[in-house]
């Protein structure tokens, strides 16, 4: 599979890079939509490419499988947050910076979803092949995020526990929020759930029972 990462002639944020990103996102979204509508086993790479308006060869330039295409929506989000974290002001407290970079990718998730959509996604996420791809891709993206945390905190992502722990906690917070969002009845927006999850992490996950009074 050829790489869709920027080459030597691609300036960051340049037109060619933006086109590549748009194609990657279109393919990923097409894969998710078709799998949600028709079932993962019924979707072929040719179908995804046609839905995105590109050739199967173009699909193969970006992804090795339909599973990778679907999972890339969440792993790309983690990598974007890692890049944004490196660009935050050096004097900004870590957890404030983390909240800013993570929530930036959820700004459009401030509306309640269609229950039919979330029901379909729940079924899709139960597929073992997709779960395996999520674990593999999530580990790689988490490594990028840990490296960004290490760079910001003066720690070593290879030898220090802290950056990997922070990265894993942030990923877990997003996953917990997404799980709640997918199962909420009535439906609720995703953005407030992610914000709440990050806030609880930043506060040190205080025990909710501590604020209760005896009845």
N, C-alpha and C. Protein backbone atom coordinates (compact mmCIF):
# COMPACT_ATOMS: atom_id res chain seq x y z
N UNK A 1 0.84 -1.19 0.00
CA UNK A 1 0.00 0.00 0.00
C UNK A 1 0.87 1.24 0.00
N UNK A 2 0.63 2.14 -0.90
CA UNK A 2 1.40 3.37 -0.92
C UNK A 2 0.91 4.30 0.16
N UNK A 3 1.76 5.23 0.54
CA UNK A 3 1.44 6.12 1.65
C UNK A 3 0.67 7.34 1.18
N UNK A 4 -0.28 7.78 2.00
CA UNK A 4 -0.99 9.02 1.71
C UNK A 4 -0.47 10.15 2.57
N UNK A 5 0.67 9.95 3.21
CA UNK A 5 1.25 11.02 4.01
C UNK A 5 1.90 12.05 3.10
N UNK A 6 1.99 13.32 3.57
CA UNK A 6 2.60 14.35 2.74
C UNK A 6 4.01 13.98 2.31
N UNK A 7 4.34 14.23 1.07
CA UNK A 7 5.68 13.98 0.55
C UNK A 7 6.52 15.23 0.62
N UNK A 8 7.75 15.16 0.06
CA UNK A 8 8.67 16.29 0.14
C UNK A 8 8.09 17.56 -0.49
N UNK A 9 7.23 17.41 -1.49
CA UNK A 9 6.69 18.59 -2.15
C UNK A 9 5.41 19.11 -1.53
N UNK A 10 4.98 18.50 -0.41
CA UNK A 10 3.74 18.90 0.22
C UNK A 10 4.01 19.80 1.42
N UNK A 11 3.79 21.09 1.28
CA UNK A 11 3.92 21.98 2.42
C UNK A 11 2.76 21.71 3.37
N UNK A 12 3.01 21.77 4.70
CA UNK A 12 1.93 21.55 5.66
C UNK A 12 0.76 22.47 5.36
N UNK A 13 -0.43 21.90 5.25
CA UNK A 13 -1.60 22.71 4.97
C UNK A 13 -1.72 23.11 3.52
N UNK A 14 -0.84 22.61 2.64
CA UNK A 14 -0.90 22.96 1.23
C UNK A 14 -2.06 22.29 0.53
N UNK A 15 -2.30 22.72 -0.71
CA UNK A 15 -3.45 22.24 -1.46
C UNK A 15 -3.40 20.73 -1.66
N UNK A 16 -2.24 20.20 -2.04
CA UNK A 16 -2.13 18.77 -2.28
C UNK A 16 -2.41 17.97 -1.01
N UNK A 17 -1.87 18.45 0.10
CA UNK A 17 -2.09 17.76 1.37
C UNK A 17 -3.57 17.81 1.76
N UNK A 18 -4.22 18.95 1.54
CA UNK A 18 -5.64 19.07 1.88
C UNK A 18 -6.49 18.14 1.01
N UNK A 19 -6.12 18.00 -0.25
CA UNK A 19 -6.86 17.10 -1.13
C UNK A 19 -6.72 15.65 -0.67
N UNK A 20 -5.52 15.27 -0.27
CA UNK A 20 -5.30 13.92 0.22
C UNK A 20 -6.12 13.66 1.48
N UNK A 21 -6.14 14.64 2.36
CA UNK A 21 -6.90 14.49 3.59
C UNK A 21 -8.39 14.37 3.29
N UNK A 22 -8.88 15.18 2.35
CA UNK A 22 -10.30 15.13 1.99
C UNK A 22 -10.66 13.78 1.39
N UNK A 23 -9.78 13.22 0.56
CA UNK A 23 -10.03 11.91 -0.03
C UNK A 23 -10.05 10.84 1.04
N UNK A 24 -9.10 10.88 1.94
CA UNK A 24 -9.03 9.90 3.03
C UNK A 24 -10.30 9.95 3.88
N UNK A 25 -10.74 11.15 4.21
CA UNK A 25 -11.93 11.29 5.04
C UNK A 25 -13.18 10.83 4.30
N UNK A 26 -13.25 11.12 3.00
CA UNK A 26 -14.40 10.70 2.21
C UNK A 26 -14.49 9.18 2.14
N UNK A 27 -13.36 8.52 1.96
CA UNK A 27 -13.33 7.07 1.90
C UNK A 27 -13.72 6.46 3.26
N UNK A 28 -13.20 7.02 4.32
CA UNK A 28 -13.52 6.51 5.64
C UNK A 28 -15.01 6.67 5.95
N UNK A 29 -15.53 7.83 5.62
CA UNK A 29 -16.95 8.08 5.88
C UNK A 29 -17.83 7.17 5.01
N UNK A 30 -17.45 6.97 3.77
CA UNK A 30 -18.20 6.08 2.88
C UNK A 30 -18.19 4.66 3.42
N UNK A 31 -17.05 4.19 3.89
CA UNK A 31 -16.95 2.85 4.44
C UNK A 31 -17.85 2.68 5.65
N UNK A 32 -17.84 3.65 6.54
CA UNK A 32 -18.68 3.58 7.73
C UNK A 32 -20.15 3.61 7.37
N UNK A 33 -20.53 4.52 6.49
CA UNK A 33 -21.94 4.65 6.12
C UNK A 33 -22.47 3.38 5.45
N UNK A 34 -21.72 2.84 4.49
CA UNK A 34 -22.16 1.64 3.79
C UNK A 34 -22.23 0.44 4.73
N UNK A 35 -21.24 0.31 5.61
CA UNK A 35 -21.24 -0.81 6.55
C UNK A 35 -22.40 -0.70 7.53
N UNK A 36 -22.72 0.52 7.94
CA UNK A 36 -23.83 0.71 8.86
C UNK A 36 -25.16 0.40 8.17
N UNK A 37 -25.26 0.73 6.90
CA UNK A 37 -26.52 0.55 6.18
C UNK A 37 -26.73 -0.89 5.70
N UNK A 38 -25.64 -1.54 5.26
CA UNK A 38 -25.78 -2.83 4.59
C UNK A 38 -25.15 -4.00 5.33
N UNK A 39 -24.43 -3.73 6.40
CA UNK A 39 -23.72 -4.78 7.10
C UNK A 39 -22.30 -4.88 6.60
N UNK A 40 -21.37 -5.06 7.51
CA UNK A 40 -19.96 -5.03 7.17
C UNK A 40 -19.59 -6.09 6.14
N UNK A 41 -20.16 -7.28 6.26
CA UNK A 41 -19.81 -8.37 5.36
C UNK A 41 -20.30 -8.14 3.94
N UNK A 42 -21.24 -7.23 3.77
CA UNK A 42 -21.82 -6.98 2.44
C UNK A 42 -21.17 -5.82 1.70
N UNK A 43 -20.17 -5.22 2.29
CA UNK A 43 -19.52 -4.05 1.68
C UNK A 43 -18.18 -4.45 1.09
N UNK A 44 -17.96 -4.09 -0.18
CA UNK A 44 -16.70 -4.37 -0.86
C UNK A 44 -15.92 -3.07 -1.03
N UNK A 45 -14.64 -3.21 -1.26
CA UNK A 45 -13.81 -2.03 -1.50
C UNK A 45 -14.30 -1.26 -2.72
N UNK A 46 -14.73 -1.98 -3.76
CA UNK A 46 -15.27 -1.31 -4.95
C UNK A 46 -16.47 -0.44 -4.59
N UNK A 47 -17.31 -0.92 -3.67
CA UNK A 47 -18.49 -0.15 -3.26
C UNK A 47 -18.07 1.14 -2.55
N UNK A 48 -17.08 1.01 -1.68
CA UNK A 48 -16.62 2.18 -0.93
C UNK A 48 -16.02 3.21 -1.87
N UNK A 49 -15.19 2.75 -2.79
CA UNK A 49 -14.55 3.67 -3.74
C UNK A 49 -15.59 4.39 -4.58
N UNK A 50 -16.60 3.64 -5.04
CA UNK A 50 -17.65 4.25 -5.86
C UNK A 50 -18.44 5.28 -5.06
N UNK A 51 -18.72 4.97 -3.82
CA UNK A 51 -19.47 5.89 -2.96
C UNK A 51 -18.69 7.19 -2.75
N UNK A 52 -17.37 7.08 -2.67
CA UNK A 52 -16.52 8.26 -2.46
C UNK A 52 -16.14 8.94 -3.77
N UNK A 53 -16.51 8.34 -4.90
CA UNK A 53 -16.22 8.94 -6.20
C UNK A 53 -14.79 8.80 -6.66
N UNK A 54 -14.13 7.70 -6.23
CA UNK A 54 -12.74 7.45 -6.65
C UNK A 54 -12.64 6.01 -7.14
N UNK A 55 -11.47 5.62 -7.61
CA UNK A 55 -11.25 4.27 -8.10
C UNK A 55 -10.83 3.35 -6.96
N UNK A 56 -11.02 2.02 -7.11
CA UNK A 56 -10.50 1.08 -6.10
C UNK A 56 -9.00 1.23 -5.89
N UNK A 57 -8.28 1.55 -6.95
CA UNK A 57 -6.84 1.75 -6.81
C UNK A 57 -6.55 2.91 -5.87
N UNK A 58 -7.33 3.96 -5.98
CA UNK A 58 -7.16 5.09 -5.06
C UNK A 58 -7.43 4.67 -3.63
N UNK A 59 -8.47 3.86 -3.44
CA UNK A 59 -8.75 3.35 -2.09
C UNK A 59 -7.52 2.65 -1.53
N UNK A 60 -6.90 1.80 -2.35
CA UNK A 60 -5.74 1.03 -1.89
C UNK A 60 -4.52 1.90 -1.63
N UNK A 61 -4.50 3.11 -2.15
CA UNK A 61 -3.42 4.04 -1.84
C UNK A 61 -3.53 4.59 -0.42
N UNK A 62 -4.74 4.48 0.15
CA UNK A 62 -4.98 5.06 1.47
C UNK A 62 -5.17 4.00 2.56
N UNK A 63 -5.82 2.90 2.21
CA UNK A 63 -6.16 1.89 3.21
C UNK A 63 -5.89 0.49 2.68
N UNK A 64 -5.58 -0.41 3.59
CA UNK A 64 -5.33 -1.80 3.21
C UNK A 64 -6.58 -2.66 3.29
N UNK A 65 -7.64 -2.15 3.94
CA UNK A 65 -8.87 -2.92 4.08
C UNK A 65 -10.02 -2.00 4.44
N UNK A 66 -11.23 -2.52 4.33
CA UNK A 66 -12.40 -1.74 4.73
C UNK A 66 -12.40 -1.51 6.24
N UNK A 67 -11.81 -2.44 6.99
CA UNK A 67 -11.75 -2.30 8.44
C UNK A 67 -10.86 -1.11 8.82
N UNK A 68 -9.74 -1.01 8.16
CA UNK A 68 -8.83 0.11 8.43
C UNK A 68 -9.50 1.43 8.07
N UNK A 69 -10.25 1.45 6.96
CA UNK A 69 -10.92 2.67 6.54
C UNK A 69 -11.91 3.14 7.59
N UNK A 70 -12.68 2.22 8.14
CA UNK A 70 -13.68 2.59 9.14
C UNK A 70 -13.01 3.08 10.42
N UNK A 71 -12.04 2.35 10.89
CA UNK A 71 -11.38 2.68 12.16
C UNK A 71 -10.58 3.98 12.06
N UNK A 72 -10.15 4.34 10.87
CA UNK A 72 -9.31 5.53 10.72
C UNK A 72 -10.00 6.80 11.18
N UNK A 73 -11.31 6.82 11.22
CA UNK A 73 -12.00 8.02 11.68
C UNK A 73 -11.61 8.36 13.12
N UNK A 74 -11.52 7.36 13.96
CA UNK A 74 -11.17 7.62 15.35
C UNK A 74 -9.66 7.74 15.55
N UNK A 75 -8.88 6.93 14.84
CA UNK A 75 -7.43 7.01 15.02
C UNK A 75 -6.86 8.31 14.44
N UNK A 76 -7.43 8.77 13.34
CA UNK A 76 -6.98 10.05 12.79
C UNK A 76 -7.28 11.18 13.76
N UNK A 77 -8.39 11.06 14.47
CA UNK A 77 -8.74 12.08 15.46
C UNK A 77 -7.67 12.15 16.55
N UNK A 78 -7.21 10.99 16.99
CA UNK A 78 -6.18 10.95 18.03
C UNK A 78 -4.89 11.58 17.52
N UNK A 79 -4.52 11.27 16.29
CA UNK A 79 -3.28 11.82 15.72
C UNK A 79 -3.39 13.33 15.52
N UNK A 80 -4.56 13.81 15.11
CA UNK A 80 -4.72 15.26 14.98
C UNK A 80 -4.57 15.93 16.34
N UNK A 81 -5.13 15.31 17.37
CA UNK A 81 -5.00 15.88 18.71
C UNK A 81 -3.55 15.89 19.16
N UNK A 82 -2.80 14.85 18.81
CA UNK A 82 -1.37 14.81 19.16
C UNK A 82 -0.62 15.95 18.50
N UNK A 83 -0.89 16.18 17.21
CA UNK A 83 -0.23 17.28 16.51
C UNK A 83 -0.61 18.62 17.09
N UNK A 84 -1.89 18.79 17.43
CA UNK A 84 -2.35 20.05 17.99
C UNK A 84 -1.76 20.29 19.38
N UNK A 85 -1.57 19.21 20.13
CA UNK A 85 -1.00 19.35 21.47
C UNK A 85 0.42 19.90 21.40
N UNK A 86 1.17 19.47 20.43
CA UNK A 86 2.55 19.97 20.27
C UNK A 86 2.57 21.47 19.96
N UNK A 87 1.48 21.97 19.39
CA UNK A 87 1.43 23.38 18.98
C UNK A 87 0.84 24.30 20.04
N UNK A 88 0.31 23.75 21.13
CA UNK A 88 -0.29 24.58 22.17
C UNK A 88 0.80 25.39 22.90
N UNK A 89 0.41 26.54 23.49
CA UNK A 89 1.38 27.36 24.23
C UNK A 89 2.09 26.56 25.32
N UNK A 90 3.38 26.75 25.43
CA UNK A 90 4.18 25.95 26.35
C UNK A 90 3.78 26.18 27.81
N UNK A 91 3.26 27.37 28.13
CA UNK A 91 2.92 27.67 29.52
C UNK A 91 1.49 27.28 29.88
N UNK A 92 0.76 26.71 28.95
CA UNK A 92 -0.61 26.29 29.23
C UNK A 92 -0.60 25.00 30.05
N UNK A 93 -1.37 24.92 31.13
CA UNK A 93 -1.42 23.69 31.92
C UNK A 93 -1.80 22.50 31.04
N UNK A 94 -1.18 21.37 31.32
CA UNK A 94 -1.34 20.19 30.47
C UNK A 94 -2.79 19.81 30.25
N UNK A 95 -3.57 19.71 31.32
CA UNK A 95 -4.94 19.23 31.15
C UNK A 95 -5.84 20.23 30.47
N UNK A 96 -5.51 21.52 30.58
CA UNK A 96 -6.24 22.51 29.78
C UNK A 96 -5.94 22.33 28.31
N UNK A 97 -4.67 22.10 28.00
CA UNK A 97 -4.28 21.88 26.61
C UNK A 97 -4.91 20.61 26.05
N UNK A 98 -4.93 19.56 26.85
CA UNK A 98 -5.52 18.30 26.41
C UNK A 98 -7.00 18.48 26.10
N UNK A 99 -7.70 19.19 26.96
CA UNK A 99 -9.13 19.40 26.72
C UNK A 99 -9.36 20.18 25.43
N UNK A 100 -8.54 21.20 25.20
CA UNK A 100 -8.69 22.02 24.00
C UNK A 100 -8.48 21.19 22.73
N UNK A 101 -7.43 20.38 22.69
CA UNK A 101 -7.11 19.67 21.45
C UNK A 101 -8.07 18.51 21.20
N UNK A 102 -8.54 17.87 22.25
CA UNK A 102 -9.47 16.76 22.07
C UNK A 102 -10.84 17.26 21.66
N UNK A 103 -11.35 18.27 22.36
CA UNK A 103 -12.70 18.76 22.08
C UNK A 103 -12.80 19.45 20.72
N UNK A 104 -11.68 19.94 20.20
CA UNK A 104 -11.71 20.63 18.91
C UNK A 104 -12.25 19.72 17.80
N UNK A 105 -12.05 18.42 17.93
CA UNK A 105 -12.50 17.48 16.90
C UNK A 105 -13.93 17.00 17.14
N UNK A 106 -14.56 17.49 18.20
CA UNK A 106 -15.93 17.08 18.48
C UNK A 106 -16.91 18.26 18.40
N UNK A 107 -16.47 19.38 17.84
CA UNK A 107 -17.30 20.58 17.82
C UNK A 107 -18.61 20.37 17.07
N UNK A 108 -18.59 19.49 16.05
CA UNK A 108 -19.80 19.26 15.28
C UNK A 108 -20.69 18.19 15.91
N UNK A 109 -20.23 17.60 17.00
CA UNK A 109 -21.00 16.54 17.66
C UNK A 109 -21.83 17.10 18.81
N UNK A 110 -22.48 18.23 18.56
CA UNK A 110 -23.25 18.90 19.61
C UNK A 110 -24.74 18.73 19.42
N UNK A 111 -25.14 17.77 18.57
CA UNK A 111 -26.55 17.49 18.36
C UNK A 111 -26.82 16.02 18.65
N UNK A 112 -28.04 15.73 19.07
CA UNK A 112 -28.41 14.35 19.35
C UNK A 112 -28.47 13.56 18.05
N UNK A 113 -27.96 12.33 18.03
CA UNK A 113 -27.93 11.54 16.81
C UNK A 113 -29.27 10.88 16.50
N UNK A 114 -29.40 10.40 15.27
CA UNK A 114 -30.55 9.60 14.86
C UNK A 114 -30.44 8.24 15.55
N UNK A 115 -31.47 7.81 16.28
CA UNK A 115 -31.39 6.51 16.96
C UNK A 115 -31.11 5.35 16.02
N UNK A 116 -31.61 5.43 14.79
CA UNK A 116 -31.35 4.36 13.83
C UNK A 116 -29.87 4.28 13.49
N UNK A 117 -29.22 5.43 13.44
CA UNK A 117 -27.79 5.46 13.12
C UNK A 117 -26.98 4.83 14.25
N UNK A 118 -27.24 5.23 15.48
CA UNK A 118 -26.46 4.69 16.60
C UNK A 118 -26.73 3.20 16.78
N UNK A 119 -27.96 2.75 16.50
CA UNK A 119 -28.25 1.32 16.60
C UNK A 119 -27.42 0.55 15.58
N UNK A 120 -27.33 1.08 14.36
CA UNK A 120 -26.53 0.43 13.33
C UNK A 120 -25.06 0.41 13.67
N UNK A 121 -24.56 1.49 14.23
CA UNK A 121 -23.14 1.56 14.60
C UNK A 121 -22.85 0.58 15.73
N UNK A 122 -23.77 0.43 16.67
CA UNK A 122 -23.56 -0.54 17.76
C UNK A 122 -23.39 -1.95 17.21
N UNK A 123 -24.22 -2.32 16.25
CA UNK A 123 -24.10 -3.64 15.63
C UNK A 123 -22.77 -3.77 14.90
N UNK A 124 -22.39 -2.70 14.22
CA UNK A 124 -21.14 -2.72 13.46
C UNK A 124 -19.94 -2.91 14.37
N UNK A 125 -19.94 -2.22 15.49
CA UNK A 125 -18.80 -2.29 16.40
C UNK A 125 -18.69 -3.63 17.12
N UNK A 126 -19.73 -4.45 17.02
CA UNK A 126 -19.68 -5.78 17.62
C UNK A 126 -18.96 -6.79 16.73
N UNK A 127 -18.61 -6.39 15.51
CA UNK A 127 -17.94 -7.29 14.59
C UNK A 127 -16.51 -7.58 15.07
N UNK A 128 -16.15 -8.86 15.27
CA UNK A 128 -14.80 -9.20 15.78
C UNK A 128 -13.67 -8.65 14.92
N UNK A 129 -13.83 -8.70 13.59
CA UNK A 129 -12.75 -8.22 12.72
C UNK A 129 -12.53 -6.72 12.91
N UNK A 130 -13.59 -5.99 13.10
CA UNK A 130 -13.46 -4.55 13.30
C UNK A 130 -12.88 -4.25 14.68
N UNK A 131 -13.26 -5.02 15.67
CA UNK A 131 -12.71 -4.84 17.00
C UNK A 131 -11.20 -5.06 17.02
N UNK A 132 -10.76 -6.09 16.29
CA UNK A 132 -9.33 -6.36 16.22
C UNK A 132 -8.57 -5.22 15.56
N UNK A 133 -9.15 -4.66 14.51
CA UNK A 133 -8.52 -3.54 13.83
C UNK A 133 -8.47 -2.31 14.73
N UNK A 134 -9.50 -2.12 15.53
CA UNK A 134 -9.54 -0.98 16.44
C UNK A 134 -8.44 -1.07 17.49
N UNK A 135 -8.21 -2.26 17.99
CA UNK A 135 -7.15 -2.44 18.99
C UNK A 135 -5.79 -2.14 18.38
N UNK A 136 -5.54 -2.69 17.20
CA UNK A 136 -4.24 -2.49 16.54
C UNK A 136 -4.00 -1.01 16.21
N UNK A 137 -4.99 -0.40 15.57
CA UNK A 137 -4.83 1.00 15.16
C UNK A 137 -4.80 1.93 16.36
N UNK A 138 -5.60 1.62 17.39
CA UNK A 138 -5.62 2.46 18.57
C UNK A 138 -4.29 2.47 19.30
N UNK A 139 -3.60 1.34 19.31
CA UNK A 139 -2.29 1.28 19.95
C UNK A 139 -1.28 2.15 19.24
N UNK A 140 -1.31 2.14 17.91
CA UNK A 140 -0.38 2.96 17.14
C UNK A 140 -0.66 4.45 17.33
N UNK A 141 -1.94 4.83 17.25
CA UNK A 141 -2.29 6.24 17.43
C UNK A 141 -2.00 6.69 18.86
N UNK A 142 -2.24 5.79 19.82
CA UNK A 142 -1.94 6.13 21.21
C UNK A 142 -0.46 6.38 21.43
N UNK A 143 0.38 5.66 20.69
CA UNK A 143 1.82 5.91 20.79
C UNK A 143 2.18 7.30 20.32
N UNK A 144 1.53 7.77 19.25
CA UNK A 144 1.76 9.14 18.78
C UNK A 144 1.33 10.16 19.83
N UNK A 145 0.20 9.90 20.47
CA UNK A 145 -0.29 10.83 21.48
C UNK A 145 0.61 10.84 22.70
N UNK A 146 1.09 9.66 23.10
CA UNK A 146 2.01 9.58 24.23
C UNK A 146 3.30 10.35 23.95
N UNK A 147 3.77 10.27 22.70
CA UNK A 147 4.99 11.00 22.34
C UNK A 147 4.77 12.50 22.45
N UNK A 148 3.56 12.97 22.07
CA UNK A 148 3.25 14.40 22.18
C UNK A 148 3.19 14.83 23.64
N UNK A 149 2.60 13.99 24.49
CA UNK A 149 2.56 14.29 25.93
C UNK A 149 3.97 14.31 26.50
N UNK A 150 4.80 13.36 26.08
CA UNK A 150 6.18 13.32 26.56
C UNK A 150 6.94 14.57 26.18
N UNK A 151 6.76 15.02 24.93
CA UNK A 151 7.46 16.22 24.47
C UNK A 151 7.04 17.44 25.28
N UNK A 152 5.78 17.47 25.67
CA UNK A 152 5.27 18.63 26.40
C UNK A 152 5.69 18.62 27.86
N UNK A 153 5.84 17.44 28.43
CA UNK A 153 6.10 17.33 29.86
C UNK A 153 7.56 17.03 30.19
N UNK A 154 8.41 16.92 29.18
CA UNK A 154 9.82 16.64 29.43
C UNK A 154 10.06 15.23 29.93
N UNK A 155 9.17 14.31 29.57
CA UNK A 155 9.34 12.91 29.95
C UNK A 155 9.72 12.10 28.72
N UNK A 156 9.94 10.83 28.92
CA UNK A 156 10.34 9.93 27.84
C UNK A 156 9.24 8.91 27.62
N UNK A 157 8.68 8.89 26.41
CA UNK A 157 7.57 7.98 26.11
C UNK A 157 7.99 6.52 26.16
N UNK A 158 9.30 6.27 26.04
CA UNK A 158 9.78 4.90 26.05
C UNK A 158 10.07 4.38 27.45
N UNK A 159 10.50 5.26 28.35
CA UNK A 159 10.95 4.80 29.66
C UNK A 159 10.09 5.29 30.82
N UNK A 160 9.35 6.37 30.63
CA UNK A 160 8.53 6.92 31.71
C UNK A 160 7.07 6.46 31.58
N UNK A 161 6.45 6.19 32.69
CA UNK A 161 5.08 5.71 32.70
C UNK A 161 4.07 6.81 32.36
N UNK A 162 4.39 8.04 32.76
CA UNK A 162 3.40 9.12 32.71
C UNK A 162 2.80 9.36 31.32
N UNK A 163 3.59 9.59 30.27
CA UNK A 163 2.98 9.93 28.98
C UNK A 163 2.07 8.84 28.42
N UNK A 164 2.46 7.59 28.57
CA UNK A 164 1.62 6.51 28.10
C UNK A 164 0.34 6.40 28.91
N UNK A 165 0.44 6.66 30.21
CA UNK A 165 -0.73 6.60 31.07
C UNK A 165 -1.72 7.71 30.71
N UNK A 166 -1.21 8.91 30.48
CA UNK A 166 -2.08 10.02 30.08
C UNK A 166 -2.76 9.71 28.75
N UNK A 167 -1.99 9.23 27.78
CA UNK A 167 -2.56 8.91 26.47
C UNK A 167 -3.64 7.85 26.58
N UNK A 168 -3.38 6.81 27.36
CA UNK A 168 -4.36 5.74 27.52
C UNK A 168 -5.61 6.25 28.23
N UNK A 169 -5.42 7.12 29.22
CA UNK A 169 -6.56 7.66 29.95
C UNK A 169 -7.43 8.54 29.05
N UNK A 170 -6.80 9.36 28.22
CA UNK A 170 -7.56 10.22 27.32
C UNK A 170 -8.32 9.38 26.29
N UNK A 171 -7.69 8.34 25.76
CA UNK A 171 -8.38 7.45 24.83
C UNK A 171 -9.54 6.75 25.52
N UNK A 172 -9.34 6.31 26.75
CA UNK A 172 -10.40 5.64 27.49
C UNK A 172 -11.56 6.58 27.77
N UNK A 173 -11.24 7.84 28.06
CA UNK A 173 -12.30 8.82 28.30
C UNK A 173 -13.16 9.02 27.06
N UNK A 174 -12.51 9.12 25.90
CA UNK A 174 -13.26 9.26 24.66
C UNK A 174 -14.11 8.03 24.37
N UNK A 175 -13.54 6.85 24.63
CA UNK A 175 -14.27 5.61 24.39
C UNK A 175 -15.48 5.48 25.31
N UNK A 176 -15.30 5.84 26.59
CA UNK A 176 -16.40 5.77 27.55
C UNK A 176 -17.52 6.72 27.14
N UNK A 177 -17.13 7.93 26.68
CA UNK A 177 -18.13 8.89 26.23
C UNK A 177 -18.87 8.37 24.99
N UNK A 178 -18.12 7.76 24.07
CA UNK A 178 -18.74 7.22 22.85
C UNK A 178 -19.68 6.06 23.18
N UNK A 179 -19.29 5.21 24.11
CA UNK A 179 -20.15 4.10 24.51
C UNK A 179 -21.46 4.61 25.10
N UNK A 180 -21.35 5.62 25.95
CA UNK A 180 -22.55 6.22 26.55
C UNK A 180 -23.43 6.85 25.47
N UNK A 181 -22.81 7.52 24.52
CA UNK A 181 -23.52 8.18 23.42
C UNK A 181 -24.27 7.17 22.56
N UNK A 182 -23.65 6.05 22.27
CA UNK A 182 -24.26 5.04 21.42
C UNK A 182 -25.45 4.35 22.09
N UNK A 183 -25.49 4.36 23.42
CA UNK A 183 -26.53 3.62 24.13
C UNK A 183 -27.54 4.51 24.84
N UNK A 184 -27.37 5.81 24.73
CA UNK A 184 -28.25 6.74 25.45
C UNK A 184 -29.68 6.66 24.92
N UNK A 185 -30.65 6.62 25.81
CA UNK A 185 -32.07 6.60 25.45
C UNK A 185 -32.82 7.51 26.42
N UNK A 186 -33.23 8.68 25.97
CA UNK A 186 -33.19 9.21 24.59
C UNK A 186 -31.78 9.60 24.17
N UNK A 187 -31.56 9.79 22.86
CA UNK A 187 -30.23 10.15 22.35
C UNK A 187 -29.74 11.47 22.94
N UNK A 188 -28.42 11.57 23.10
CA UNK A 188 -27.80 12.78 23.62
C UNK A 188 -26.63 13.14 22.72
N UNK A 189 -26.21 14.42 22.70
CA UNK A 189 -25.03 14.81 21.90
C UNK A 189 -23.76 14.21 22.47
N UNK A 190 -22.77 14.01 21.61
CA UNK A 190 -21.50 13.42 22.03
C UNK A 190 -20.58 14.44 22.70
N UNK A 191 -20.56 15.66 22.20
CA UNK A 191 -19.63 16.67 22.70
C UNK A 191 -19.69 16.85 24.21
N UNK A 192 -20.87 17.06 24.81
CA UNK A 192 -20.89 17.23 26.28
C UNK A 192 -20.38 16.02 27.04
N UNK A 193 -20.58 14.82 26.47
CA UNK A 193 -20.11 13.61 27.14
C UNK A 193 -18.58 13.55 27.14
N UNK A 194 -17.97 13.90 26.02
CA UNK A 194 -16.50 13.92 25.96
C UNK A 194 -15.96 14.98 26.91
N UNK A 195 -16.60 16.14 26.94
CA UNK A 195 -16.16 17.21 27.84
C UNK A 195 -16.25 16.76 29.30
N UNK A 196 -17.34 16.11 29.65
CA UNK A 196 -17.51 15.62 31.02
C UNK A 196 -16.45 14.58 31.37
N UNK A 197 -16.21 13.66 30.45
CA UNK A 197 -15.22 12.61 30.70
C UNK A 197 -13.84 13.19 30.92
N UNK A 198 -13.44 14.15 30.11
CA UNK A 198 -12.13 14.78 30.28
C UNK A 198 -12.07 15.57 31.58
N UNK A 199 -13.18 16.22 31.93
CA UNK A 199 -13.22 16.97 33.18
C UNK A 199 -13.04 16.07 34.39
N UNK A 200 -13.65 14.90 34.35
CA UNK A 200 -13.49 13.95 35.45
C UNK A 200 -12.04 13.47 35.56
N UNK A 201 -11.42 13.23 34.40
CA UNK A 201 -10.01 12.84 34.41
C UNK A 201 -9.15 13.94 35.02
N UNK A 202 -9.36 15.16 34.54
CA UNK A 202 -8.55 16.29 35.02
C UNK A 202 -8.70 16.50 36.52
N UNK A 203 -9.88 16.15 37.04
CA UNK A 203 -10.14 16.32 38.47
C UNK A 203 -9.63 15.14 39.29
N UNK A 204 -9.06 14.14 38.61
CA UNK A 204 -8.53 12.99 39.32
C UNK A 204 -9.55 11.90 39.58
N UNK A 205 -10.62 11.88 38.79
CA UNK A 205 -11.69 10.89 38.94
C UNK A 205 -12.17 10.79 40.39
N UNK A 206 -12.71 11.90 40.92
CA UNK A 206 -13.18 11.86 42.32
C UNK A 206 -14.32 10.86 42.49
N UNK A 207 -14.38 10.25 43.64
CA UNK A 207 -15.42 9.26 43.94
C UNK A 207 -16.77 9.97 44.05
N UNK A 208 -17.74 9.65 43.19
CA UNK A 208 -19.04 10.33 43.24
C UNK A 208 -19.75 10.15 44.58
N UNK A 209 -19.50 9.03 45.26
CA UNK A 209 -20.19 8.77 46.51
C UNK A 209 -19.75 9.70 47.61
N UNK A 210 -18.59 10.36 47.44
CA UNK A 210 -18.11 11.28 48.48
C UNK A 210 -19.02 12.48 48.66
N UNK A 211 -19.78 12.81 47.61
CA UNK A 211 -20.65 13.98 47.70
C UNK A 211 -22.05 13.65 48.13
N UNK A 212 -22.32 12.37 48.44
CA UNK A 212 -23.66 11.97 48.83
C UNK A 212 -23.81 12.04 50.36
N UNK A 213 -24.98 12.36 50.79
CA UNK A 213 -25.26 12.39 52.23
C UNK A 213 -26.03 11.13 52.59
N UNK A 214 -25.82 10.69 53.78
CA UNK A 214 -26.52 9.49 54.24
C UNK A 214 -28.00 9.77 54.36
N UNK A 215 -28.83 8.84 53.91
CA UNK A 215 -30.28 9.02 53.96
C UNK A 215 -30.85 8.45 55.25
